[in-house]
Amino acid sequence: MRDEKFKKGGHHGGRHKDHGSHHHGPKTFRRGRAIAFLDMMNLKRSTIKEQLDQPEFQSIQQILVGELKAIDMLINEFSQLFEIQENEKAAEKSSEEKETSNEKGMEMNETN
């Protein structure tokens, strides 16, 4: 009985045979999520910056300036904490665009 377990792939039934192929998966996934969060923060920053120039937000301009400073601080701290560089964000974005275009290409091939 014990020999049968080892024939199937060891003590865990062969579950670890693909271990090498998944080694970087979770780290890359978390890093991708961190970059997506940073992109969201940058979008919020650009929205606040646009509002500073609009006359309808003149009455809360000081609040917007404070929010802009706070979001800049968060972006800087977050980038340092996760060691995210500008070129890395650009590479992640172009990678996502390639994946999207590849998915569209595959969808078109499926209908042909």
C-alpha atoms as a PDB file:
ATOM      1  CA  MET A   1       0.000   0.000   0.000  1.00  0.00           C
ATOM      2  CA  ARG A   2       2.767   2.400   0.932  1.00  0.00           C
ATOM      3  CA  ASP A   3       4.622   1.613  -2.295  1.00  0.00           C
ATOM      4  CA  GLU A   4       1.530   2.578  -4.305  1.00  0.00           C
ATOM      5  CA  LYS A   5       1.645   6.122  -2.832  1.00  0.00           C
ATOM      6  CA  PHE A   6       5.231   6.596  -3.936  1.00  0.00           C
ATOM      7  CA  LYS A   7       4.531   5.254  -7.415  1.00  0.00           C
ATOM      8  CA  LYS A   8       1.868   7.940  -7.895  1.00  0.00           C
ATOM      9  CA  GLY A   9       4.356  10.721  -7.294  1.00  0.00           C
ATOM     10  CA  GLY A  10       5.510  10.601  -3.713  1.00  0.00           C
ATOM     11  CA  HIS A  11       3.860  11.443  -0.454  1.00  0.00           C
ATOM     12  CA  HIS A  12       1.631  14.176  -1.886  1.00  0.00           C
ATOM     13  CA  GLY A  13       0.353  12.225  -4.857  1.00  0.00           C
ATOM     14  CA  GLY A  14       2.385  14.134  -7.432  1.00  0.00           C
ATOM     15  CA  ARG A  15       0.972  17.541  -6.667  1.00  0.00           C
ATOM     16  CA  HIS A  16       4.402  19.203  -6.638  1.00  0.00           C
ATOM     17  CA  LYS A  17       5.633  18.071 -10.027  1.00  0.00           C
ATOM     18  CA  ASP A  18       4.675  21.445 -11.593  1.00  0.00           C
ATOM     19  CA  HIS A  19       6.164  23.447  -8.731  1.00  0.00           C
ATOM     20  CA  GLY A  20       8.831  25.081 -10.898  1.00  0.00           C
ATOM     21  CA  SER A  21       6.358  26.444 -13.442  1.00  0.00           C
ATOM     22  CA  HIS A  22       4.310  28.257 -10.786  1.00  0.00           C
ATOM     23  CA  HIS A  23       7.238  29.610  -8.781  1.00  0.00           C
ATOM     24  CA  HIS A  24       6.879  33.244  -9.864  1.00  0.00           C
ATOM     25  CA  GLY A  25       3.109  33.302 -10.437  1.00  0.00           C
ATOM     26  CA  PRO A  26       1.786  34.706  -7.137  1.00  0.00           C
ATOM     27  CA  LYS A  27       4.544  37.309  -6.846  1.00  0.00           C
ATOM     28  CA  THR A  28       3.953  38.487 -10.420  1.00  0.00           C
ATOM     29  CA  PHE A  29       0.194  38.540  -9.838  1.00  0.00           C
ATOM     30  CA  ARG A  30       0.557  40.658  -6.677  1.00  0.00           C
ATOM     31  CA  ARG A  31       2.974  42.979  -8.430  1.00  0.00           C
ATOM     32  CA  GLY A  32       0.503  43.386 -11.284  1.00  0.00           C
ATOM     33  CA  ARG A  33      -2.221  44.272  -8.809  1.00  0.00           C
ATOM     34  CA  ALA A  34       0.091  46.804  -7.140  1.00  0.00           C
ATOM     35  CA  ILE A  35       0.774  48.435 -10.501  1.00  0.00           C
ATOM     36  CA  ALA A  36      -2.968  48.469 -11.292  1.00  0.00           C
ATOM     37  CA  PHE A  37      -3.609  50.194  -7.949  1.00  0.00           C
ATOM     38  CA  LEU A  38      -0.908  52.735  -8.739  1.00  0.00           C
ATOM     39  CA  ASP A  39      -2.524  53.393 -12.121  1.00  0.00           C
ATOM     40  CA  MET A  40      -5.834  54.002 -10.357  1.00  0.00           C
ATOM     41  CA  MET A  41      -4.142  56.457  -7.990  1.00  0.00           C
ATOM     42  CA  ASN A  42      -2.585  58.285 -10.929  1.00  0.00           C
ATOM     43  CA  LEU A  43      -6.001  58.528 -12.592  1.00  0.00           C
ATOM     44  CA  LYS A  44      -7.442  60.066  -9.415  1.00  0.00           C
ATOM     45  CA  ARG A  45      -4.510  62.470  -9.312  1.00  0.00           C
ATOM     46  CA  SER A  46      -5.091  63.613 -12.895  1.00  0.00           C
ATOM     47  CA  THR A  47      -8.811  64.096 -12.183  1.00  0.00           C
ATOM     48  CA  ILE A  48      -8.073  66.316  -9.178  1.00  0.00           C
ATOM     49  CA  LYS A  49      -5.490  68.242 -11.204  1.00  0.00           C
ATOM     50  CA  GLU A  50      -8.093  68.892 -13.933  1.00  0.00           C
ATOM     51  CA  GLN A  51     -10.587  70.081 -11.316  1.00  0.00           C
ATOM     52  CA  LEU A  52      -8.094  72.694 -10.090  1.00  0.00           C
ATOM     53  CA  ASP A  53      -8.372  74.499 -13.431  1.00  0.00           C
ATOM     54  CA  GLN A  54     -12.173  74.440 -13.606  1.00  0.00           C
ATOM     55  CA  PRO A  55     -14.066  77.508 -12.339  1.00  0.00           C
ATOM     56  CA  GLU A  56     -16.850  75.483 -10.702  1.00  0.00           C
ATOM     57  CA  PHE A  57     -14.300  74.068  -8.246  1.00  0.00           C
ATOM     58  CA  GLN A  58     -12.845  77.468  -7.323  1.00  0.00           C
ATOM     59  CA  SER A  59     -14.569  77.488  -3.930  1.00  0.00           C
ATOM     60  CA  ILE A  60     -12.845  74.224  -2.885  1.00  0.00           C
ATOM     61  CA  GLN A  61      -9.513  74.879  -4.558  1.00  0.00           C
ATOM     62  CA  GLN A  62      -7.556  74.693  -1.280  1.00  0.00           C
ATOM     63  CA  ILE A  63      -9.135  71.325  -0.490  1.00  0.00           C
ATOM     64  CA  LEU A  64      -8.201  70.041  -3.937  1.00  0.00           C
ATOM     65  CA  VAL A  65      -4.621  71.252  -3.481  1.00  0.00           C
ATOM     66  CA  GLY A  66      -4.479  69.358  -0.174  1.00  0.00           C
ATOM     67  CA  GLU A  67      -5.877  66.215  -1.790  1.00  0.00           C
ATOM     68  CA  LEU A  68      -3.376  66.532  -4.617  1.00  0.00           C
ATOM     69  CA  LYS A  69      -0.479  66.776  -2.162  1.00  0.00           C
ATOM     70  CA  ALA A  70      -1.793  63.805  -0.200  1.00  0.00           C
ATOM     71  CA  ILE A  71      -2.253  61.631  -3.285  1.00  0.00           C
ATOM     72  CA  ASP A  72       1.238  62.576  -4.513  1.00  0.00           C
ATOM     73  CA  MET A  73       2.637  61.482  -1.173  1.00  0.00           C
ATOM     74  CA  LEU A  74       0.740  58.162  -1.367  1.00  0.00           C
ATOM     75  CA  ILE A  75       1.906  57.523  -4.921  1.00  0.00           C
ATOM     76  CA  ASN A  76       5.529  58.190  -3.971  1.00  0.00           C
ATOM     77  CA  GLU A  77       5.401  56.024  -0.840  1.00  0.00           C
ATOM     78  CA  PHE A  78       3.592  53.216  -2.639  1.00  0.00           C
ATOM     79  CA  SER A  79       6.097  53.275  -5.521  1.00  0.00           C
ATOM     80  CA  GLN A  80       9.002  53.124  -3.084  1.00  0.00           C
ATOM     81  CA  LEU A  81       7.424  50.404  -0.965  1.00  0.00           C
ATOM     82  CA  PHE A  82       6.785  48.114  -3.927  1.00  0.00           C
ATOM     83  CA  GLU A  83       9.898  49.303  -5.774  1.00  0.00           C
ATOM     84  CA  ILE A  84       7.902  50.236  -8.860  1.00  0.00           C
ATOM     85  CA  GLN A  85       9.745  52.294 -11.456  1.00  0.00           C
ATOM     86  CA  GLU A  86       8.209  54.410 -14.228  1.00  0.00           C
ATOM     87  CA  ASN A  87       9.589  52.099 -16.937  1.00  0.00           C
ATOM     88  CA  GLU A  88       8.043  49.101 -15.147  1.00  0.00           C
ATOM     89  CA  LYS A  89       4.599  50.708 -15.178  1.00  0.00           C
ATOM     90  CA  ALA A  90       4.952  51.404 -18.901  1.00  0.00           C
ATOM     91  CA  ALA A  91       6.075  47.810 -19.542  1.00  0.00           C
ATOM     92  CA  GLU A  92       3.095  46.436 -17.594  1.00  0.00           C
ATOM     93  CA  LYS A  93       0.697  48.631 -19.560  1.00  0.00           C
ATOM     94  CA  SER A  94       2.136  47.567 -22.943  1.00  0.00           C
ATOM     95  CA  SER A  95       2.025  43.925 -21.819  1.00  0.00           C
ATOM     96  CA  GLU A  96      -1.672  44.280 -20.969  1.00  0.00           C
ATOM     97  CA  GLU A  97      -2.337  45.912 -24.340  1.00  0.00           C
ATOM     98  CA  LYS A  98      -0.596  43.028 -26.128  1.00  0.00           C
ATOM     99  CA  GLU A  99      -2.658  40.479 -24.191  1.00  0.00           C
ATOM    100  CA  THR A 100      -5.857  42.336 -25.080  1.00  0.00           C
ATOM    101  CA  SER A 101      -4.961  42.469 -28.776  1.00  0.00           C
ATOM    102  CA  ASN A 102      -3.992  38.768 -28.733  1.00  0.00           C
ATOM    103  CA  GLU A 103      -7.326  37.878 -27.123  1.00  0.00           C
ATOM    104  CA  LYS A 104      -9.172  39.851 -29.784  1.00  0.00           C
ATOM    105  CA  GLY A 105      -7.164  38.071 -32.473  1.00  0.00           C
ATOM    106  CA  MET A 106      -8.031  34.684 -31.013  1.00  0.00           C
ATOM    107  CA  GLU A 107     -11.711  35.615 -30.862  1.00  0.00           C
ATOM    108  CA  MET A 108     -11.622  36.564 -34.538  1.00  0.00           C
ATOM    109  CA  ASN A 109      -9.919  33.255 -35.394  1.00  0.00           C
ATOM    110  CA  GLU A 110     -12.592  31.311 -33.532  1.00  0.00           C
ATOM    111  CA  THR A 111     -15.353  32.848 -35.636  1.00  0.00           C
ATOM    112  CA  ASN A 112     -13.528  32.169 -38.934  1.00  0.00           C
END
